[in-house]
């Protein structure tokens, strides 16, 4: 359980796709993290757990 780091979650996705996970803090994972942050910039959080 637990939330874990974003890079650990990327590694889990790689394993689910039967691909070899990259090292944490690899340039590829950092690029994906930057991309996801840029894509979500300005979006409202709409998950149930964040509702007041």
PDB file of N, CA and C in Angstrom:
ATOM      1  N   UNK A   1       0.787  -1.172   0.000  1.00  0.00           N
ATOM      2  CA  UNK A   1       0.000   0.000   0.000  1.00  0.00           C
ATOM      3  C   UNK A   1       0.844   1.257   0.000  1.00  0.00           C
ATOM      4  N   UNK A   2       0.196   2.330   0.257  1.00  0.00           N
ATOM      5  CA  UNK A   2       0.862   3.617   0.299  1.00  0.00           C
ATOM      6  C   UNK A   2       0.920   4.284  -1.057  1.00  0.00           C
ATOM      7  N   UNK A   3       1.241   5.543  -1.011  1.00  0.00           N
ATOM      8  CA  UNK A   3       1.267   6.324  -2.235  1.00  0.00           C
ATOM      9  C   UNK A   3       2.539   6.071  -3.023  1.00  0.00           C
ATOM     10  N   UNK A   4       3.694   6.180  -2.405  1.00  0.00           N
ATOM     11  CA  UNK A   4       4.957   5.966  -3.102  1.00  0.00           C
ATOM     12  C   UNK A   4       5.336   7.147  -3.980  1.00  0.00           C
ATOM     13  N   UNK A   5       6.547   7.090  -4.498  1.00  0.00           N
ATOM     14  CA  UNK A   5       7.013   8.172  -5.357  1.00  0.00           C
ATOM     15  C   UNK A   5       6.452   7.993  -6.760  1.00  0.00           C
ATOM     16  N   UNK A   6       6.439   9.074  -7.490  1.00  0.00           N
ATOM     17  CA  UNK A   6       5.962   9.022  -8.866  1.00  0.00           C
ATOM     18  C   UNK A   6       6.841   8.097  -9.700  1.00  0.00           C
ATOM     19  N   UNK A   7       8.144   8.137  -9.463  1.00  0.00           N
ATOM     20  CA  UNK A   7       9.054   7.299 -10.243  1.00  0.00           C
ATOM     21  C   UNK A   7       8.848   5.819  -9.920  1.00  0.00           C
ATOM     22  N   UNK A   8       8.490   5.508  -8.671  1.00  0.00           N
ATOM     23  CA  UNK A   8       8.165   4.117  -8.333  1.00  0.00           C
ATOM     24  C   UNK A   8       6.890   3.686  -9.050  1.00  0.00           C
ATOM     25  N   UNK A   9       5.945   4.591  -9.169  1.00  0.00           N
ATOM     26  CA  UNK A   9       4.702   4.275  -9.880  1.00  0.00           C
ATOM     27  C   UNK A   9       4.967   4.065 -11.361  1.00  0.00           C
ATOM     28  N   UNK A  10       5.858   4.882 -11.945  1.00  0.00           N
ATOM     29  CA  UNK A  10       6.254   4.662 -13.340  1.00  0.00           C
ATOM     30  C   UNK A  10       6.863   3.272 -13.494  1.00  0.00           C
ATOM     31  N   UNK A  11       7.719   2.882 -12.540  1.00  0.00           N
ATOM     32  CA  UNK A  11       8.332   1.552 -12.590  1.00  0.00           C
ATOM     33  C   UNK A  11       7.288   0.453 -12.556  1.00  0.00           C
ATOM     34  N   UNK A  12       6.247   0.628 -11.736  1.00  0.00           N
ATOM     35  CA  UNK A  12       5.165  -0.345 -11.689  1.00  0.00           C
ATOM     36  C   UNK A  12       4.429  -0.444 -13.009  1.00  0.00           C
ATOM     37  N   UNK A  13       4.246   0.687 -13.674  1.00  0.00           N
ATOM     38  CA  UNK A  13       3.603   0.678 -14.996  1.00  0.00           C
ATOM     39  C   UNK A  13       4.461  -0.086 -15.996  1.00  0.00           C
ATOM     40  N   UNK A  14       5.761   0.140 -15.939  1.00  0.00           N
ATOM     41  CA  UNK A  14       6.664  -0.589 -16.836  1.00  0.00           C
ATOM     42  C   UNK A  14       6.559  -2.091 -16.587  1.00  0.00           C
ATOM     43  N   UNK A  15       6.547  -2.491 -15.307  1.00  0.00           N
ATOM     44  CA  UNK A  15       6.433  -3.921 -14.981  1.00  0.00           C
ATOM     45  C   UNK A  15       5.114  -4.488 -15.485  1.00  0.00           C
ATOM     46  N   UNK A  16       4.028  -3.723 -15.343  1.00  0.00           N
ATOM     47  CA  UNK A  16       2.723  -4.182 -15.824  1.00  0.00           C
ATOM     48  C   UNK A  16       2.706  -4.380 -17.331  1.00  0.00           C
ATOM     49  N   UNK A  17       3.536  -3.616 -18.033  1.00  0.00           N
ATOM     50  CA  UNK A  17       3.631  -3.759 -19.488  1.00  0.00           C
ATOM     51  C   UNK A  17       4.685  -4.794 -19.885  1.00  0.00           C
ATOM     52  N   UNK A  18       5.256  -5.462 -18.881  1.00  0.00           N
ATOM     53  CA  UNK A  18       6.319  -6.452 -19.079  1.00  0.00           C
ATOM     54  C   UNK A  18       7.557  -5.837 -19.738  1.00  0.00           C
ATOM     55  N   UNK A  19       7.824  -4.593 -19.397  1.00  0.00           N
ATOM     56  CA  UNK A  19       9.027  -3.907 -19.860  1.00  0.00           C
ATOM     57  C   UNK A  19       9.976  -3.761 -18.672  1.00  0.00           C
ATOM     58  N   UNK A  20      11.241  -3.614 -18.937  1.00  0.00           N
ATOM     59  CA  UNK A  20      12.218  -3.458 -17.868  1.00  0.00           C
ATOM     60  C   UNK A  20      12.123  -2.037 -17.312  1.00  0.00           C
ATOM     61  N   UNK A  21      11.829  -1.896 -16.002  1.00  0.00           N
ATOM     62  CA  UNK A  21      11.734  -0.557 -15.418  1.00  0.00           C
ATOM     63  C   UNK A  21      13.080   0.164 -15.475  1.00  0.00           C
ATOM     64  N   UNK A  22      13.026   1.468 -15.556  1.00  0.00           N
ATOM     65  CA  UNK A  22      14.227   2.291 -15.540  1.00  0.00           C
ATOM     66  C   UNK A  22      14.602   2.604 -14.094  1.00  0.00           C
ATOM     67  N   UNK A  23      15.790   3.143 -13.905  1.00  0.00           N
ATOM     68  CA  UNK A  23      16.217   3.552 -12.571  1.00  0.00           C
ATOM     69  C   UNK A  23      15.440   4.806 -12.162  1.00  0.00           C
ATOM     70  N   UNK A  24      15.150   4.903 -10.860  1.00  0.00           N
ATOM     71  CA  UNK A  24      14.505   6.115 -10.357  1.00  0.00           C
ATOM     72  C   UNK A  24      15.401   7.307 -10.659  1.00  0.00           C
ATOM     73  N   UNK A  25      14.803   8.418 -10.954  1.00  0.00           N
ATOM     74  CA  UNK A  25      15.486   9.661 -11.306  1.00  0.00           C
ATOM     75  C   UNK A  25      16.220   9.593 -12.642  1.00  0.00           C
ATOM     76  N   UNK A  26      15.876   8.613 -13.462  1.00  0.00           N
ATOM     77  CA  UNK A  26      16.474   8.541 -14.796  1.00  0.00           C
ATOM     78  C   UNK A  26      15.962   9.724 -15.621  1.00  0.00           C
ATOM     79  N   UNK A  27      16.714  10.139 -16.633  1.00  0.00           N
ATOM     80  CA  UNK A  27      16.252  11.259 -17.467  1.00  0.00           C
ATOM     81  C   UNK A  27      14.875  11.000 -18.087  1.00  0.00           C
ATOM     82  N   UNK A  28      14.594   9.754 -18.441  1.00  0.00           N
ATOM     83  CA  UNK A  28      13.303   9.433 -19.054  1.00  0.00           C
ATOM     84  C   UNK A  28      12.156   9.644 -18.071  1.00  0.00           C
ATOM     85  N   UNK A  29      12.323   9.191 -16.824  1.00  0.00           N
ATOM     86  CA  UNK A  29      11.281   9.378 -15.814  1.00  0.00           C
ATOM     87  C   UNK A  29      11.118  10.856 -15.475  1.00  0.00           C
ATOM     88  N   UNK A  30      12.216  11.587 -15.409  1.00  0.00           N
ATOM     89  CA  UNK A  30      12.121  13.022 -15.125  1.00  0.00           C
ATOM     90  C   UNK A  30      11.399  13.744 -16.256  1.00  0.00           C
ATOM     91  N   UNK A  31      11.666  13.332 -17.501  1.00  0.00           N
ATOM     92  CA  UNK A  31      10.961  13.927 -18.641  1.00  0.00           C
ATOM     93  C   UNK A  31       9.466  13.628 -18.581  1.00  0.00           C
ATOM     94  N   UNK A  32       9.109  12.386 -18.217  1.00  0.00           N
ATOM     95  CA  UNK A  32       7.683  12.036 -18.101  1.00  0.00           C
ATOM     96  C   UNK A  32       7.026  12.843 -16.987  1.00  0.00           C
ATOM     97  N   UNK A  33       7.739  12.997 -15.863  1.00  0.00           N
ATOM     98  CA  UNK A  33       7.201  13.770 -14.752  1.00  0.00           C
ATOM     99  C   UNK A  33       6.960  15.223 -15.184  1.00  0.00           C
ATOM    100  N   UNK A  34       7.904  15.816 -15.883  1.00  0.00           N
ATOM    101  CA  UNK A  34       7.745  17.187 -16.380  1.00  0.00           C
ATOM    102  C   UNK A  34       6.555  17.277 -17.335  1.00  0.00           C
ATOM    103  N   UNK A  35       6.422  16.303 -18.231  1.00  0.00           N
ATOM    104  CA  UNK A  35       5.311  16.282 -19.182  1.00  0.00           C
ATOM    105  C   UNK A  35       3.972  16.208 -18.453  1.00  0.00           C
ATOM    106  N   UNK A  36       3.853  15.306 -17.469  1.00  0.00           N
ATOM    107  CA  UNK A  36       2.592  15.174 -16.738  1.00  0.00           C
ATOM    108  C   UNK A  36       2.262  16.449 -15.966  1.00  0.00           C
ATOM    109  N   UNK A  37       3.274  17.081 -15.381  1.00  0.00           N
ATOM    110  CA  UNK A  37       3.027  18.334 -14.665  1.00  0.00           C
ATOM    111  C   UNK A  37       2.573  19.425 -15.626  1.00  0.00           C
ATOM    112  N   UNK A  38       3.197  19.504 -16.786  1.00  0.00           N
ATOM    113  CA  UNK A  38       2.818  20.519 -17.770  1.00  0.00           C
ATOM    114  C   UNK A  38       1.404  20.278 -18.282  1.00  0.00           C
ATOM    115  N   UNK A  39       1.041  19.024 -18.509  1.00  0.00           N
ATOM    116  CA  UNK A  39      -0.287  18.709 -19.032  1.00  0.00           C
ATOM    117  C   UNK A  39      -1.383  18.982 -18.007  1.00  0.00           C
ATOM    118  N   UNK A  40      -1.066  18.848 -16.718  1.00  0.00           N
ATOM    119  CA  UNK A  40      -2.087  19.037 -15.689  1.00  0.00           C
ATOM    120  C   UNK A  40      -2.085  20.453 -15.124  1.00  0.00           C
ATOM    121  N   UNK A  41      -1.238  21.316 -15.610  1.00  0.00           N
ATOM    122  CA  UNK A  41      -1.148  22.683 -15.106  1.00  0.00           C
ATOM    123  C   UNK A  41      -2.478  23.406 -15.301  1.00  0.00           C
ATOM    124  N   UNK A  42      -3.058  23.845 -14.182  1.00  0.00           N
ATOM    125  CA  UNK A  42      -4.313  24.589 -14.245  1.00  0.00           C
ATOM    126  C   UNK A  42      -5.561  23.733 -14.164  1.00  0.00           C
ATOM    127  N   UNK A  43      -5.431  22.416 -14.182  1.00  0.00           N
ATOM    128  CA  UNK A  43      -6.612  21.556 -14.089  1.00  0.00           C
ATOM    129  C   UNK A  43      -7.076  21.467 -12.643  1.00  0.00           C
ATOM    130  N   UNK A  44      -8.372  21.438 -12.451  1.00  0.00           N
ATOM    131  CA  UNK A  44      -8.920  21.277 -11.111  1.00  0.00           C
ATOM    132  C   UNK A  44      -8.825  19.824 -10.690  1.00  0.00           C
ATOM    133  N   UNK A  45      -8.624  19.609  -9.393  1.00  0.00           N
ATOM    134  CA  UNK A  45      -8.623  18.254  -8.850  1.00  0.00           C
ATOM    135  C   UNK A  45     -10.075  17.836  -8.684  1.00  0.00           C
ATOM    136  N   UNK A  46     -10.451  16.690  -9.240  1.00  0.00           N
ATOM    137  CA  UNK A  46     -11.857  16.285  -9.191  1.00  0.00           C
ATOM    138  C   UNK A  46     -12.064  14.920  -8.544  1.00  0.00           C
ATOM    139  N   UNK A  47     -11.025  14.356  -7.940  1.00  0.00           N
ATOM    140  CA  UNK A  47     -11.173  13.045  -7.307  1.00  0.00           C
ATOM    141  C   UNK A  47     -12.032  13.172  -6.049  1.00  0.00           C
ATOM    142  N   UNK A  48     -12.786  12.133  -5.742  1.00  0.00           N
ATOM    143  CA  UNK A  48     -13.678  12.148  -4.580  1.00  0.00           C
ATOM    144  C   UNK A  48     -12.941  12.464  -3.287  1.00  0.00           C
ATOM    145  N   UNK A  49     -11.751  11.941  -3.118  1.00  0.00           N
ATOM    146  CA  UNK A  49     -11.045  12.119  -1.847  1.00  0.00           C
ATOM    147  C   UNK A  49     -10.623  13.567  -1.609  1.00  0.00           C
ATOM    148  N   UNK A  50     -10.646  14.402  -2.649  1.00  0.00           N
ATOM    149  CA  UNK A  50     -10.246  15.793  -2.496  1.00  0.00           C
ATOM    150  C   UNK A  50     -11.437  16.734  -2.354  1.00  0.00           C
ATOM    151  N   UNK A  51     -12.637  16.207  -2.423  1.00  0.00           N
ATOM    152  CA  UNK A  51     -13.820  17.054  -2.282  1.00  0.00           C
ATOM    153  C   UNK A  51     -14.005  17.445  -0.829  1.00  0.00           C
ATOM    154  N   UNK A  52     -14.563  18.634  -0.632  1.00  0.00           N
ATOM    155  CA  UNK A  52     -14.779  19.119   0.738  1.00  0.00           C
ATOM    156  C   UNK A  52     -16.057  18.581   1.308  1.00  0.00           C
TER     157      UNK A  52
END
